[in-house]
Amino acid sequence: MTRRVAAARAVWGAGVLVVARFLPIPRKVALALGLRHLTQAAAVLRRPEGVVARWGWTVDATHSATMLALAAVSRRWRVAALVNAVVAAGWARAARPREGSRRRAASPGSARSSVPEGESR
């Protein structure tokens, strides 16, 4: 699932870059967001079990929270901020690792293994 989410994020980031001039936010902000999505996607695709893959969703959750705060205080940016908050929350949900989704593989020479207790190898 991690790679699929990262691939979708790359497409999203590229799309944001392509349509940046047409979005109802400053172009530089749209470009920064698009580049951030592409960078995050590249990092996850390069290392699907790395720290970005495990914790990158927190960036999206934080972005969502800050957009909700902006919507609360700025009438001018309210609609764009609310849309952005929903999109960022969706990315956070999609990218957050599910409970038990990480496989625990035994390292060579270790006593722990991925074979459930009570089963033989």
Protein backbone atom coordinates (compact mmCIF):
# COMPACT_ATOMS: atom_id res chain seq x y z
CA MET A 1 0.00 0.00 0.00
CA THR A 2 2.86 2.38 0.78
CA ARG A 3 4.10 2.42 -2.80
CA ARG A 4 0.61 2.97 -4.21
CA VAL A 5 0.02 5.93 -1.91
CA ALA A 6 3.44 7.34 -2.81
CA ALA A 7 2.74 6.93 -6.53
CA ALA A 8 -0.64 8.65 -6.14
CA ARG A 9 1.07 11.43 -4.15
CA ALA A 10 3.61 11.91 -6.96
CA VAL A 11 0.78 12.27 -9.49
CA TRP A 12 -0.99 14.72 -7.16
CA GLY A 13 2.18 16.78 -6.65
CA ALA A 14 2.86 16.92 -10.38
CA GLY A 15 -0.74 17.94 -10.97
CA VAL A 16 -0.48 20.74 -8.43
CA LEU A 17 2.65 22.02 -10.20
CA VAL A 18 0.92 21.93 -13.59
CA VAL A 19 -2.20 23.84 -12.46
CA ALA A 20 -0.49 26.09 -9.88
CA ARG A 21 -1.31 29.29 -11.75
CA PHE A 22 -5.03 28.45 -11.80
CA LEU A 23 -5.44 27.63 -8.09
CA PRO A 24 -7.05 30.16 -5.74
CA ILE A 25 -3.85 30.44 -3.68
CA PRO A 26 -0.58 32.28 -4.34
CA ARG A 27 1.37 30.52 -7.10
CA LYS A 28 4.52 30.23 -4.97
CA VAL A 29 2.54 28.47 -2.24
CA ALA A 30 1.07 26.02 -4.77
CA LEU A 31 4.52 25.35 -6.21
CA ALA A 32 5.94 24.71 -2.73
CA LEU A 33 3.09 22.29 -1.93
CA GLY A 34 3.50 20.46 -5.22
CA LEU A 35 7.26 20.13 -4.69
CA ARG A 36 6.71 18.91 -1.13
CA HIS A 37 4.38 16.16 -2.37
CA LEU A 38 6.85 15.10 -5.07
CA THR A 39 9.75 15.06 -2.60
CA GLN A 40 7.79 13.05 -0.05
CA ALA A 41 6.65 10.59 -2.72
CA ALA A 42 10.22 10.14 -4.00
CA ALA A 43 11.51 9.51 -0.47
CA VAL A 44 8.85 6.88 0.20
CA LEU A 45 9.34 5.18 -3.17
CA ARG A 46 13.09 5.05 -2.56
CA ARG A 47 12.76 3.64 0.98
CA PRO A 48 9.26 2.23 1.59
CA GLU A 49 10.19 1.17 5.12
CA GLY A 50 12.09 4.36 5.95
CA VAL A 51 11.29 7.10 8.41
CA VAL A 52 9.41 9.20 5.83
CA ALA A 53 7.15 6.27 4.99
CA ARG A 54 6.45 5.64 8.68
CA TRP A 55 6.07 9.24 9.87
CA GLY A 56 5.40 11.36 6.77
CA TRP A 57 1.68 11.27 7.53
CA THR A 58 2.36 13.60 10.48
CA VAL A 59 3.36 16.35 8.04
CA ASP A 60 -0.03 15.96 6.35
CA ALA A 61 -1.88 15.96 9.68
CA THR A 62 -0.02 19.08 10.78
CA HIS A 63 -0.75 20.76 7.46
CA SER A 64 -4.43 19.92 7.85
CA ALA A 65 -4.50 21.39 11.37
CA THR A 66 -2.79 24.60 10.28
CA MET A 67 -5.23 25.00 7.40
CA LEU A 68 -8.14 24.65 9.84
CA ALA A 69 -6.54 27.37 11.97
CA LEU A 70 -6.14 29.60 8.90
CA ALA A 71 -9.78 29.02 7.95
CA ALA A 72 -10.83 30.06 11.43
CA VAL A 73 -9.02 33.40 11.32
CA SER A 74 -9.05 34.42 7.65
CA ARG A 75 -12.23 35.09 5.79
CA ARG A 76 -10.25 35.69 2.58
CA TRP A 77 -8.57 32.25 2.60
CA ARG A 78 -11.33 30.27 4.34
CA VAL A 79 -12.60 28.21 1.39
CA ALA A 80 -9.12 27.40 0.04
CA ALA A 81 -7.89 26.55 3.55
CA LEU A 82 -10.84 24.24 4.25
CA VAL A 83 -10.40 22.41 0.94
CA ASN A 84 -6.68 22.09 1.65
CA ALA A 85 -7.39 20.81 5.18
CA VAL A 86 -9.64 18.06 3.83
CA VAL A 87 -7.12 17.05 1.16
CA ALA A 88 -4.24 17.00 3.69
CA ALA A 89 -6.32 14.93 6.12
CA GLY A 90 -7.01 12.47 3.32
CA TRP A 91 -3.30 12.14 2.59
CA ALA A 92 -2.57 11.68 6.29
CA ARG A 93 -5.15 8.90 6.49
CA ALA A 94 -3.89 7.20 3.34
CA ALA A 95 -0.22 7.40 4.33
CA ARG A 96 -0.50 6.43 8.00
CA PRO A 97 0.70 2.85 8.54
CA ARG A 98 -2.07 0.53 9.73
CA GLU A 99 -1.80 -1.35 13.01
CA GLY A 100 0.01 -4.62 12.41
CA SER A 101 0.91 -3.76 8.82
CA ARG A 102 4.65 -3.82 9.42
CA ARG A 103 6.10 -7.23 8.87
CA ARG A 104 8.57 -8.35 11.44
CA ALA A 105 11.26 -10.29 9.71
CA ALA A 106 13.99 -12.01 11.65
CA SER A 107 17.45 -10.66 11.18
CA PRO A 108 20.11 -13.24 10.39
CA GLY A 109 21.29 -14.95 13.56
CA SER A 110 18.54 -13.60 15.78
CA ALA A 111 16.33 -15.74 17.98
CA ARG A 112 13.16 -13.93 16.86
CA SER A 113 11.41 -15.01 13.72
CA SER A 114 8.31 -14.14 11.75
CA VAL A 115 6.91 -17.65 12.24
CA PRO A 116 3.92 -17.52 14.62
CA GLU A 117 4.35 -19.26 17.96
CA GLY A 118 3.34 -22.90 17.88
CA GLU A 119 4.15 -23.38 14.20
CA SER A 120 7.29 -24.99 12.90
CA ARG A 121 9.49 -23.75 10.12
